[in-house]
Amino acid sequence: MSTAIVNDFRTDEWKPSASPWLIAGAVMLSTFMVVLDSSVANVALPHMAGTFSASSNEIIWILTSYLIATGIILPSTAWFSSLFGRKRFLIICIIIFTCASVLCGMSTSLEMMVFARIIQGLGGGALIPISQSVLLESFPIEKRGISMAVFGLGVVLAPVIGPTLGGWITDNYSWNWIFYINLPIGILAVYLSHIFVEDPPYLKRGTIQKIDYVGFISLIVWLVSLQIVLDNGQNSDWFGSTWVCWTSLLSALAMIFFFVWELHFKDSIIDLNAFKDRNFAVGTLLTTLVNVILYSTLAILPLFLQSLLGYTAYHSGIAITPRGLGCLAVIILAGYLSNKIDNRIQIVFGFILLAISCFMFGNLNLNISMNNIIFPNIICGMSLGFLFIPLATLSFATLKKEHIANATGIQNLLKNIGGGIGVSIVGTLLSRNAQIHQSYMVDHLNPLNPVFQHKINMLNHFLSMHMSPVVAAQKANFFMYATLLKQSILWSYIDSFRLYGLISLILIPTVFIFKNAKAVKSQNNTVMH
């Protein structure tokens, strides 16, 4: 009898000492904390920018540093689990994440915050895959669907309450407390995990797997150097700067070396053979691009609402929360329809809804009501419900079972990388497009323009009644230029939303590269018979 068969037999026979539901409560507490923290910070970004005297482009580093750190730790989760034991590694990760959260709350500079977020990402990156594995093994086979439903509910529910909770805490206390609240949750998660979670006999500590140190180091060099360029390139005039050129070259060489090494090294950290499967390759590409759009819009929407429309953090969270509600309402329907209709139809419909929501955001102005924000967010959330489940179903439909665990890790890694890169790119787009629109619009602020002359004369006349004519003239010109700046920034947001809407439509033909999962299953059954 082979080792794989023995392990499968033991997996089926072994049962945890505690109730699976208690174990689910323990691990989902940590998962909920991690997912909540990824959304709760978004609405507080403008407040953090004020505290750290950071620009909108710089404050996004708080999001990108966390996403890249989680992406780096994901491939080594199995190795650390075998080194420390999975239960012990789970508890270590919760402790690291909780302590880093406290450090985030204590941060007094942007550099300190970014460092703390990196540590937080290293601790939180492994918690979700470990929690998922624990849930799958704790429940009997016939109830694993329920365990994944619980897992999915926790992952979806956190972004629903995250923006509102973060906004309420920021307005009533300070942004520091959105990180401090992780301390009691983390302590409780450690306690419950220590009591209820246990390692199966086939995962006892001591059977340490080999780790691909060369691949792991090249992955770190590639991602870190890439993120440094994306985050700081705008402030250094991109390739006009020598250090940007050299760092970009280093990132490109590290990426090429990583892929070549992973393809030829026997015990590679990532098995890239999964990409030989057409469905998985296409599914991973589309999932990564959806994450680019998702994280980018989530990053800039609170900045738009608070910096241009004057929303408080709480009202900003209220406006964003319907995105999670829309996803929650549709995700059950999408799961039901996945066995009834062609999943490719659902994905196409999801991309159409995503494009509609982006174009609706692309028609915003400075005189809108909250309903103009809520409705596109609901549509965006519904689109994500119709995208993620069918994409996951088709991505793994034609993969062999022994490749699924590795393929899941690869896809999660690329999703996180896509989210980090997307947030960095949209920060650059906002800054660059605002400068471009400003240069175009400033031509209209000249004395030969009768509209400008009329407006400036009206302002001068009004202000002269309250101050000296010289000061009134200065303030009138300042007011007009401030209006121009605000309009140029508004147009940069509009450009970004419309770009993502266009990308969503362009991706639709790619969906039909997928093999139909039902056709593949029918073909396999015919071959077997």
Protein backbone atom coordinates (compact mmCIF):
# COMPACT_ATOMS: atom_id res chain seq x y z
CA MET A 1 0.00 0.00 0.00
CA SER A 2 1.44 3.36 -1.02
CA THR A 3 2.12 6.22 1.39
CA ALA A 4 -0.53 8.37 -0.30
CA ILE A 5 -3.19 5.70 0.24
CA VAL A 6 -2.14 5.25 3.86
CA ASN A 7 -2.38 8.97 4.44
CA ASP A 8 -5.82 9.13 2.83
CA PHE A 9 -6.95 6.25 5.05
CA ARG A 10 -5.65 7.94 8.15
CA THR A 11 -7.23 11.21 7.14
CA ASP A 12 -10.61 9.53 6.91
CA GLU A 13 -10.22 7.52 10.13
CA TRP A 14 -8.76 10.22 12.35
CA LYS A 15 -11.20 12.38 14.29
CA PRO A 16 -10.30 15.35 16.52
CA SER A 17 -10.98 15.10 20.25
CA ALA A 18 -13.05 18.30 20.31
CA SER A 19 -16.24 19.01 18.40
CA PRO A 20 -15.55 20.18 14.83
CA TRP A 21 -17.75 23.19 15.49
CA LEU A 22 -15.59 24.30 18.41
CA ILE A 23 -12.53 23.91 16.23
CA ALA A 24 -14.27 25.90 13.50
CA GLY A 25 -15.00 28.69 15.99
CA ALA A 26 -11.37 28.77 17.10
CA VAL A 27 -9.77 28.96 13.64
CA MET A 28 -12.45 31.18 12.12
CA LEU A 29 -11.83 33.77 14.84
CA SER A 30 -8.28 34.24 13.59
CA THR A 31 -9.36 34.13 9.93
CA PHE A 32 -12.09 36.70 10.56
CA MET A 33 -9.54 38.95 12.28
CA VAL A 34 -7.14 38.77 9.31
CA VAL A 35 -9.80 39.38 6.64
CA LEU A 36 -11.41 42.14 8.72
CA ASP A 37 -8.07 43.90 9.07
CA SER A 38 -7.58 43.95 5.30
CA SER A 39 -10.79 45.99 4.83
CA VAL A 40 -11.12 47.93 8.07
CA ALA A 41 -7.99 50.03 7.35
CA ASN A 42 -9.16 51.34 3.96
CA VAL A 43 -11.57 53.96 5.31
CA ALA A 44 -8.93 55.23 7.77
CA LEU A 45 -6.29 55.89 5.09
CA PRO A 46 -7.03 59.66 4.76
CA HIS A 47 -6.73 60.04 8.55
CA MET A 48 -3.43 58.13 8.54
CA ALA A 49 -2.23 60.34 5.69
CA GLY A 50 -2.89 63.38 7.85
CA THR A 51 -1.12 61.87 10.85
CA PHE A 52 1.97 60.89 8.85
CA SER A 53 1.91 63.91 6.48
CA ALA A 54 1.80 61.50 3.53
CA SER A 55 0.41 61.98 0.03
CA SER A 56 -2.35 59.79 -1.41
CA ASN A 57 0.32 57.93 -3.39
CA GLU A 58 2.46 57.28 -0.30
CA ILE A 59 -0.33 56.26 2.06
CA ILE A 60 -1.21 53.35 -0.23
CA TRP A 61 2.10 51.73 0.85
CA ILE A 62 0.18 50.69 3.99
CA LEU A 63 -1.96 48.38 1.82
CA THR A 64 0.68 47.19 -0.64
CA SER A 65 3.27 46.26 1.99
CA TYR A 66 0.73 44.03 3.74
CA LEU A 67 -0.38 42.30 0.52
CA ILE A 68 3.17 41.58 -0.66
CA ALA A 69 4.19 40.24 2.77
CA THR A 70 1.27 37.81 2.77
CA GLY A 71 2.21 36.73 -0.75
CA ILE A 72 5.78 35.96 0.30
CA ILE A 73 4.82 33.78 3.27
CA LEU A 74 2.15 31.72 1.46
CA PRO A 75 4.50 29.30 -0.39
CA SER A 76 6.42 28.41 2.79
CA THR A 77 3.35 27.64 4.93
CA ALA A 78 3.70 23.85 4.52
CA TRP A 79 7.40 23.91 5.44
CA PHE A 80 6.88 25.94 8.62
CA SER A 81 3.95 23.67 9.56
CA SER A 82 6.20 20.63 9.30
CA LEU A 83 8.98 22.38 11.23
CA PHE A 84 6.93 23.62 14.21
CA GLY A 85 3.81 21.47 13.89
CA ARG A 86 0.71 22.99 12.34
CA LYS A 87 -1.04 23.82 15.61
CA ARG A 88 2.06 25.48 17.03
CA PHE A 89 2.66 27.39 13.79
CA LEU A 90 -0.98 28.54 13.79
CA ILE A 91 -0.59 29.93 17.30
CA ILE A 92 2.75 31.55 16.42
CA CYS A 93 1.15 33.29 13.43
CA ILE A 94 -1.74 34.59 15.55
CA ILE A 95 0.73 35.97 18.10
CA ILE A 96 2.84 37.64 15.38
CA PHE A 97 -0.24 39.14 13.75
CA THR A 98 -1.63 40.40 17.06
CA CYS A 99 1.66 41.94 18.24
CA ALA A 100 2.18 43.57 14.83
CA SER A 101 -1.36 45.01 15.06
CA VAL A 102 -0.43 46.70 18.34
CA LEU A 103 2.73 48.01 16.70
CA CYS A 104 0.61 49.42 13.85
CA GLY A 105 -1.54 51.27 16.37
CA MET A 106 1.56 52.71 18.05
CA SER A 107 3.13 53.90 14.78
CA THR A 108 4.26 57.52 14.71
CA SER A 109 5.62 57.62 11.15
CA LEU A 110 4.82 56.14 7.77
CA GLU A 111 8.03 54.10 7.82
CA MET A 112 7.13 52.56 11.18
CA MET A 113 3.62 51.77 9.96
CA VAL A 114 4.86 50.10 6.75
CA PHE A 115 7.33 48.00 8.76
CA ALA A 116 4.58 46.95 11.17
CA ARG A 117 2.26 46.08 8.27
CA ILE A 118 4.96 43.89 6.74
CA ILE A 119 5.28 41.96 10.02
CA GLN A 120 1.50 41.78 10.22
CA GLY A 121 1.33 40.37 6.68
CA LEU A 122 3.98 37.74 7.46
CA GLY A 123 1.90 36.59 10.43
CA GLY A 124 -1.49 36.80 8.73
CA GLY A 125 -0.52 35.33 5.36
CA ALA A 126 -0.37 31.77 6.64
CA LEU A 127 -3.49 31.94 8.84
CA ILE A 128 -6.07 31.58 6.07
CA PRO A 129 -4.60 28.46 4.36
CA ILE A 130 -3.93 26.83 7.75
CA SER A 131 -7.48 27.55 8.93
CA GLN A 132 -8.87 26.12 5.71
CA SER A 133 -6.82 22.93 6.11
CA VAL A 134 -7.84 22.52 9.76
CA LEU A 135 -11.52 22.88 8.86
CA LEU A 136 -11.30 20.34 6.03
CA GLU A 137 -9.66 17.74 8.27
CA SER A 138 -11.78 18.35 11.36
CA PHE A 139 -15.13 17.69 9.66
CA PRO A 140 -16.02 14.27 8.23
CA ILE A 141 -15.99 13.98 4.44
CA GLU A 142 -19.76 14.24 4.10
CA LYS A 143 -19.75 17.56 6.00
CA ARG A 144 -16.77 19.24 4.35
CA GLY A 145 -19.12 21.28 2.18
CA ILE A 146 -20.58 22.75 5.37
CA SER A 147 -17.09 23.52 6.68
CA MET A 148 -16.23 25.43 3.49
CA ALA A 149 -19.56 27.27 3.69
CA VAL A 150 -18.62 28.39 7.22
CA PHE A 151 -15.20 29.40 5.97
CA GLY A 152 -16.67 31.30 3.02
CA LEU A 153 -19.22 33.04 5.23
CA GLY A 154 -16.47 34.30 7.53
CA VAL A 155 -14.36 35.51 4.61
CA VAL A 156 -17.33 37.35 3.03
CA LEU A 157 -18.85 38.70 6.26
CA ALA A 158 -15.68 40.46 7.43
CA PRO A 159 -15.54 42.89 4.46
CA VAL A 160 -19.24 43.63 5.00
CA ILE A 161 -18.79 45.03 8.51
CA GLY A 162 -15.14 46.11 8.10
CA PRO A 163 -15.58 49.53 6.45
CA THR A 164 -18.45 50.60 8.73
CA LEU A 165 -16.68 49.40 11.88
CA GLY A 166 -13.42 51.04 10.83
CA GLY A 167 -15.17 54.31 10.04
CA TRP A 168 -17.06 54.36 13.33
CA ILE A 169 -13.92 53.66 15.38
CA THR A 170 -11.90 56.27 13.44
CA ASP A 171 -14.52 59.01 13.89
CA ASN A 172 -15.33 58.31 17.54
CA TYR A 173 -11.86 57.40 18.80
CA SER A 174 -8.91 57.38 16.40
CA TRP A 175 -7.55 55.23 13.59
CA ASN A 176 -5.09 53.62 16.06
CA TRP A 177 -7.93 51.68 17.66
CA ILE A 178 -8.78 49.77 14.47
CA PHE A 179 -5.51 47.94 15.14
CA TYR A 180 -5.73 47.81 18.94
CA ILE A 181 -9.04 45.90 18.80
CA ASN A 182 -7.08 42.92 17.42
CA LEU A 183 -5.38 42.46 20.79
CA PRO A 184 -8.32 40.90 22.73
CA ILE A 185 -9.44 38.98 19.61
CA GLY A 186 -5.94 37.63 19.11
CA ILE A 187 -5.60 36.57 22.76
CA LEU A 188 -8.94 34.75 22.60
CA ALA A 189 -7.97 33.09 19.28
CA VAL A 190 -4.68 31.83 20.79
CA TYR A 191 -6.50 30.45 23.84
CA LEU A 192 -9.20 28.65 21.84
CA SER A 193 -6.69 27.28 19.31
CA HIS A 194 -4.53 25.95 22.14
CA ILE A 195 -7.53 24.14 23.69
CA PHE A 196 -9.39 22.78 20.66
CA VAL A 197 -7.00 22.51 17.69
CA GLU A 198 -4.74 19.47 17.41
CA ASP A 199 -2.41 18.03 14.80
CA PRO A 200 -3.47 14.82 13.05
CA PRO A 201 -1.08 11.89 13.59
CA TYR A 202 0.23 12.10 10.04
CA LEU A 203 1.26 15.75 10.51
CA LYS A 204 3.34 15.37 13.66
CA ARG A 205 6.30 17.68 14.04
CA GLY A 206 9.64 16.28 12.96
CA THR A 207 8.90 15.19 9.39
CA ILE A 208 10.42 18.37 7.99
CA GLN A 209 9.97 18.88 4.30
CA LYS A 210 12.76 20.23 2.14
CA ILE A 211 12.49 23.90 1.35
CA ASP A 212 13.65 25.53 -1.82
CA TYR A 213 15.83 28.25 -0.33
CA VAL A 214 17.05 29.53 -3.70
CA GLY A 215 13.50 29.78 -5.05
CA PHE A 216 12.23 31.40 -1.85
CA ILE A 217 14.99 34.04 -1.83
CA SER A 218 14.56 34.82 -5.54
CA LEU A 219 10.80 35.19 -4.94
CA ILE A 220 11.44 37.68 -2.13
CA VAL A 221 13.96 39.68 -4.21
CA TRP A 222 11.56 39.77 -7.16
CA LEU A 223 8.47 40.89 -5.20
CA VAL A 224 10.20 43.32 -2.83
CA SER A 225 12.16 45.09 -5.58
CA LEU A 226 9.05 45.26 -7.78
CA GLN A 227 6.99 46.74 -4.95
CA ILE A 228 9.69 49.31 -4.14
CA VAL A 229 9.65 50.48 -7.76
CA LEU A 230 5.85 50.62 -7.95
CA ASP A 231 5.50 52.47 -4.63
CA ASN A 232 8.32 54.98 -5.08
CA GLY A 233 8.74 55.29 -8.83
CA GLN A 234 6.22 58.11 -9.15
CA ASN A 235 8.09 60.31 -6.67
CA SER A 236 11.40 59.65 -8.47
CA ASP A 237 10.27 60.33 -12.06
CA TRP A 238 10.25 56.63 -12.89
CA PHE A 239 12.96 55.62 -15.36
CA GLY A 240 14.43 59.08 -15.27
CA SER A 241 15.93 57.96 -11.96
CA THR A 242 19.02 55.73 -11.90
CA TRP A 243 17.93 53.73 -8.86
CA VAL A 244 14.54 52.94 -10.46
CA CYS A 245 16.30 51.54 -13.55
CA TRP A 246 18.65 49.34 -11.53
CA THR A 247 15.93 48.13 -9.16
CA SER A 248 13.63 47.32 -12.09
CA LEU A 249 16.45 45.35 -13.73
CA LEU A 250 17.03 43.45 -10.48
CA SER A 251 13.31 42.65 -10.22
CA ALA A 252 13.17 41.43 -13.85
CA LEU A 253 16.25 39.23 -13.47
CA ALA A 254 14.97 37.78 -10.17
CA MET A 255 11.62 37.00 -11.78
CA ILE A 256 13.21 35.24 -14.78
CA PHE A 257 15.57 33.29 -12.52
CA PHE A 258 12.68 32.30 -10.23
CA PHE A 259 10.60 30.83 -13.05
CA VAL A 260 13.56 29.06 -14.68
CA TRP A 261 14.63 27.62 -11.31
CA GLU A 262 11.13 26.49 -10.37
CA LEU A 263 10.72 24.69 -13.70
CA HIS A 264 13.97 22.72 -13.39
CA PHE A 265 14.54 22.22 -9.63
CA LYS A 266 13.11 18.95 -8.29
CA ASP A 267 11.98 20.18 -4.84
CA SER A 268 10.80 23.61 -6.00
CA ILE A 269 8.81 25.83 -3.66
CA ILE A 270 6.07 26.08 -6.31
CA ASP A 271 5.21 23.42 -8.86
CA LEU A 272 4.54 25.38 -12.05
CA ASN A 273 3.34 22.29 -13.92
CA ALA A 274 -0.20 23.20 -12.88
CA PHE A 275 -0.10 25.92 -15.53
CA LYS A 276 0.00 23.24 -18.20
CA ASP A 277 -3.70 22.82 -17.44
CA ARG A 278 -5.55 25.31 -19.64
CA ASN A 279 -8.43 25.91 -17.22
CA PHE A 280 -6.11 26.58 -14.30
CA ALA A 281 -3.89 28.96 -16.29
CA VAL A 282 -6.85 30.99 -17.58
CA GLY A 283 -8.64 30.90 -14.22
CA THR A 284 -5.56 32.11 -12.34
CA LEU A 285 -5.05 34.94 -14.84
CA LEU A 286 -8.66 36.12 -14.56
CA THR A 287 -8.77 35.74 -10.77
CA THR A 288 -5.57 37.79 -10.44
CA LEU A 289 -6.92 40.55 -12.69
CA VAL A 290 -10.23 40.63 -10.79
CA ASN A 291 -8.19 41.08 -7.60
CA VAL A 292 -6.33 43.96 -9.24
CA ILE A 293 -9.65 45.72 -9.91
CA LEU A 294 -11.13 44.81 -6.52
CA TYR A 295 -8.23 46.03 -4.37
CA SER A 296 -7.62 49.12 -6.53
CA THR A 297 -11.21 50.36 -6.31
CA LEU A 298 -11.39 49.54 -2.60
CA ALA A 299 -8.23 51.58 -2.03
CA ILE A 300 -9.23 54.74 -3.92
CA LEU A 301 -12.96 54.92 -3.15
CA PRO A 302 -12.53 55.95 0.53
CA LEU A 303 -9.91 58.52 -0.54
CA PHE A 304 -12.37 59.93 -3.09
CA LEU A 305 -15.24 60.11 -0.62
CA GLN A 306 -13.27 61.72 2.18
CA SER A 307 -10.88 64.01 0.30
CA LEU A 308 -13.26 65.33 -2.38
CA LEU A 309 -16.78 64.87 -1.00
CA GLY A 310 -15.96 65.58 2.64
CA TYR A 311 -17.37 62.32 4.01
CA THR A 312 -16.40 61.25 7.50
CA ALA A 313 -14.68 57.88 7.90
CA TYR A 314 -17.93 56.42 9.26
CA HIS A 315 -20.09 57.63 6.36
CA SER A 316 -17.41 56.47 3.96
CA GLY A 317 -17.67 53.01 5.50
CA ILE A 318 -21.48 53.10 5.25
CA ALA A 319 -21.20 53.89 1.54
CA ILE A 320 -18.74 51.04 0.88
CA THR A 321 -20.43 48.34 3.00
CA PRO A 322 -23.14 47.57 0.37
CA ARG A 323 -20.40 46.02 -1.79
CA GLY A 324 -20.07 43.20 0.73
CA LEU A 325 -23.85 42.93 1.09
CA GLY A 326 -24.25 42.58 -2.67
CA CYS A 327 -21.65 39.81 -2.74
CA LEU A 328 -23.25 38.06 0.24
CA ALA A 329 -26.69 38.15 -1.41
CA VAL A 330 -25.45 36.65 -4.67
CA ILE A 331 -22.83 34.14 -3.52
CA ILE A 332 -25.40 31.51 -2.48
CA LEU A 333 -27.26 31.90 -5.78
CA ALA A 334 -23.99 31.63 -7.72
CA GLY A 335 -23.08 28.44 -5.86
CA TYR A 336 -26.50 26.95 -6.67
CA LEU A 337 -26.31 27.94 -10.35
CA SER A 338 -22.79 26.53 -10.75
CA ASN A 339 -24.30 23.04 -11.05
CA LYS A 340 -27.24 24.17 -13.19
CA ILE A 341 -25.78 26.32 -15.98
CA ASP A 342 -22.48 26.79 -17.78
CA ASN A 343 -20.10 28.55 -15.37
CA ARG A 344 -18.72 30.59 -18.26
CA ILE A 345 -22.09 32.35 -18.61
CA GLN A 346 -21.95 33.37 -14.94
CA ILE A 347 -18.41 34.74 -15.37
CA VAL A 348 -19.41 36.77 -18.44
CA PHE A 349 -22.41 38.17 -16.53
CA GLY A 350 -20.10 38.97 -13.59
CA PHE A 351 -17.69 40.91 -15.82
CA ILE A 352 -20.58 42.84 -17.37
CA LEU A 353 -21.84 43.83 -13.90
CA LEU A 354 -18.30 44.77 -12.85
CA ALA A 355 -17.88 46.96 -15.94
CA ILE A 356 -21.26 48.63 -15.30
CA SER A 357 -20.31 49.45 -11.70
CA CYS A 358 -16.93 50.89 -12.77
CA PHE A 359 -18.52 53.05 -15.50
CA MET A 360 -21.11 54.26 -12.96
CA PHE A 361 -18.25 55.31 -10.68
CA GLY A 362 -16.68 56.92 -13.75
CA ASN A 363 -19.67 59.28 -14.06
CA LEU A 364 -19.44 60.70 -10.55
CA ASN A 365 -19.21 64.42 -9.79
CA LEU A 366 -18.82 66.57 -6.68
CA ASN A 367 -22.58 67.12 -6.21
CA ILE A 368 -23.77 63.53 -5.82
CA SER A 369 -25.67 61.95 -2.94
CA MET A 370 -24.68 58.80 -1.05
CA ASN A 371 -27.15 56.77 -3.15
CA ASN A 372 -24.93 57.40 -6.17
CA ILE A 373 -22.16 55.57 -4.30
CA ILE A 374 -24.22 52.81 -2.69
CA PHE A 375 -25.93 51.56 -5.87
CA PRO A 376 -22.70 51.00 -7.90
CA ASN A 377 -21.18 49.30 -4.85
CA ILE A 378 -24.10 46.85 -4.66
CA ILE A 379 -23.66 46.03 -8.36
CA CYS A 380 -19.90 45.61 -7.85
CA GLY A 381 -20.50 43.21 -4.94
CA MET A 382 -22.98 41.20 -7.01
CA SER A 383 -20.43 40.96 -9.82
CA LEU A 384 -17.83 39.53 -7.45
CA GLY A 385 -20.31 36.88 -6.30
CA PHE A 386 -20.87 35.83 -9.92
CA LEU A 387 -17.13 35.84 -10.62
CA PHE A 388 -15.30 34.14 -7.75
CA ILE A 389 -17.29 30.90 -7.38
CA PRO A 390 -17.46 30.03 -11.12
CA LEU A 391 -13.80 31.01 -11.56
CA ALA A 392 -12.78 28.74 -8.67
CA THR A 393 -14.94 25.91 -10.04
CA LEU A 394 -13.52 26.09 -13.57
CA SER A 395 -9.93 26.70 -12.44
CA PHE A 396 -9.71 23.33 -10.70
CA ALA A 397 -12.25 21.38 -12.78
CA THR A 398 -9.66 19.62 -14.97
CA LEU A 399 -6.78 19.37 -12.48
CA LYS A 400 -5.79 16.05 -10.96
CA LYS A 401 -6.51 15.75 -7.24
CA GLU A 402 -2.83 15.47 -6.30
CA HIS A 403 -2.15 18.88 -7.90
CA ILE A 404 -5.01 20.81 -6.26
CA ALA A 405 -3.22 21.68 -2.98
CA ASN A 406 -0.20 23.10 -4.83
CA ALA A 407 -2.41 24.88 -7.37
CA THR A 408 -4.44 26.55 -4.61
CA GLY A 409 -1.25 27.94 -3.09
CA ILE A 410 -0.06 29.29 -6.45
CA GLN A 411 -3.38 30.98 -7.14
CA ASN A 412 -3.52 32.60 -3.68
CA LEU A 413 0.05 33.83 -4.12
CA LEU A 414 -0.69 35.44 -7.49
CA LYS A 415 -3.97 36.91 -6.21
CA ASN A 416 -2.10 38.70 -3.41
CA ILE A 417 0.62 39.87 -5.79
CA GLY A 418 -2.06 41.15 -8.18
CA GLY A 419 -3.80 43.04 -5.39
CA GLY A 420 -0.56 44.67 -4.25
CA ILE A 421 0.50 45.65 -7.75
CA GLY A 422 -3.00 46.93 -8.56
CA VAL A 423 -3.06 49.22 -5.52
CA SER A 424 0.39 50.60 -6.40
CA ILE A 425 -0.54 51.20 -10.03
CA VAL A 426 -3.78 53.00 -9.22
CA GLY A 427 -1.90 55.30 -6.82
CA THR A 428 0.44 56.23 -9.65
CA LEU A 429 -2.46 56.68 -12.09
CA LEU A 430 -4.21 59.07 -9.71
CA SER A 431 -1.11 61.20 -9.25
CA ARG A 432 -0.10 61.27 -12.93
CA ASN A 433 -3.59 61.86 -14.34
CA ALA A 434 -4.22 64.67 -11.85
CA GLN A 435 -1.06 66.42 -13.10
CA ILE A 436 -2.08 65.89 -16.75
CA HIS A 437 -5.59 67.29 -16.23
CA GLN A 438 -4.20 70.19 -14.24
CA SER A 439 -1.84 71.14 -17.08
CA TYR A 440 -4.74 71.07 -19.56
CA MET A 441 -7.18 72.97 -17.37
CA VAL A 442 -4.80 75.71 -16.20
CA ASP A 443 -4.87 77.21 -19.72
CA HIS A 444 -8.43 78.34 -19.00
CA LEU A 445 -7.33 80.45 -16.03
CA ASN A 446 -6.17 83.50 -17.96
CA PRO A 447 -7.52 87.07 -18.26
CA LEU A 448 -8.40 86.53 -21.95
CA ASN A 449 -10.99 83.92 -21.02
CA PRO A 450 -14.32 85.80 -20.56
CA VAL A 451 -15.81 83.05 -18.35
CA PHE A 452 -12.79 83.12 -16.03
CA GLN A 453 -12.80 86.93 -16.00
CA HIS A 454 -16.49 87.00 -15.09
CA LYS A 455 -16.03 84.52 -12.22
CA ILE A 456 -12.97 86.29 -10.83
CA ASN A 457 -14.72 89.66 -10.94
CA MET A 458 -17.72 88.27 -9.05
CA LEU A 459 -15.45 86.79 -6.37
CA ASN A 460 -13.49 90.04 -6.11
CA HIS A 461 -16.66 92.04 -5.68
CA PHE A 462 -18.01 89.71 -3.00
CA LEU A 463 -14.75 89.43 -1.04
CA SER A 464 -14.03 93.17 -1.23
CA MET A 465 -17.04 93.75 0.98
CA HIS A 466 -15.28 91.86 3.80
CA MET A 467 -11.58 92.68 3.28
CA SER A 468 -9.17 94.97 1.45
CA PRO A 469 -9.19 94.88 -2.38
CA VAL A 470 -5.61 93.51 -2.51
CA VAL A 471 -6.37 90.59 -0.18
CA ALA A 472 -9.70 89.99 -1.94
CA ALA A 473 -7.92 89.68 -5.31
CA GLN A 474 -5.41 87.19 -3.87
CA LYS A 475 -8.10 85.09 -2.26
CA ALA A 476 -10.22 85.11 -5.43
CA ASN A 477 -7.32 83.75 -7.48
CA PHE A 478 -6.53 81.20 -4.77
CA PHE A 479 -10.15 80.01 -4.73
CA MET A 480 -10.21 79.55 -8.52
CA TYR A 481 -6.95 77.61 -8.51
CA ALA A 482 -8.14 75.41 -5.62
CA THR A 483 -11.28 74.62 -7.64
CA LEU A 484 -9.09 73.67 -10.61
CA LEU A 485 -7.02 71.33 -8.44
CA LYS A 486 -10.14 69.67 -7.09
CA GLN A 487 -11.54 69.17 -10.57
CA SER A 488 -8.27 67.73 -11.89
CA ILE A 489 -8.16 65.23 -9.03
CA LEU A 490 -11.80 64.31 -9.70
CA TRP A 491 -10.96 63.61 -13.34
CA SER A 492 -8.05 61.39 -12.30
CA TYR A 493 -10.47 59.24 -10.26
CA ILE A 494 -12.91 59.14 -13.18
CA ASP A 495 -10.12 58.02 -15.55
CA SER A 496 -9.15 55.18 -13.19
CA PHE A 497 -12.70 53.87 -12.78
CA ARG A 498 -13.37 54.01 -16.52
CA LEU A 499 -10.10 52.19 -17.23
CA TYR A 500 -11.14 49.32 -14.94
CA GLY A 501 -14.54 49.20 -16.62
CA LEU A 502 -12.85 48.90 -20.00
CA ILE A 503 -10.52 46.15 -18.73
CA SER A 504 -13.55 44.22 -17.42
CA LEU A 505 -15.13 44.25 -20.89
CA ILE A 506 -11.86 43.31 -22.62
CA LEU A 507 -11.55 40.23 -20.37
CA ILE A 508 -14.92 38.77 -21.47
CA PRO A 509 -13.64 36.95 -24.62
CA THR A 510 -10.95 35.29 -22.49
CA VAL A 511 -13.68 33.41 -20.60
CA PHE A 512 -14.40 31.21 -23.63
CA ILE A 513 -10.87 29.79 -23.55
CA PHE A 514 -12.08 27.75 -20.56
CA LYS A 515 -13.06 24.16 -21.16
CA ASN A 516 -16.66 23.58 -20.11
CA ALA A 517 -16.45 21.62 -16.83
CA LYS A 518 -19.63 19.65 -17.62
CA ALA A 519 -18.33 18.65 -21.04
CA VAL A 520 -15.04 17.49 -19.52
CA LYS A 521 -16.86 15.47 -16.87
CA SER A 522 -19.13 13.87 -19.49
CA GLN A 523 -16.14 13.03 -21.66
CA ASN A 524 -14.32 11.42 -18.74
CA ASN A 525 -17.38 9.34 -17.85
CA THR A 526 -17.62 8.14 -21.49
CA VAL A 527 -13.97 7.11 -21.48
CA MET A 528 -14.41 5.21 -18.18
CA HIS A 529 -17.40 3.30 -19.52
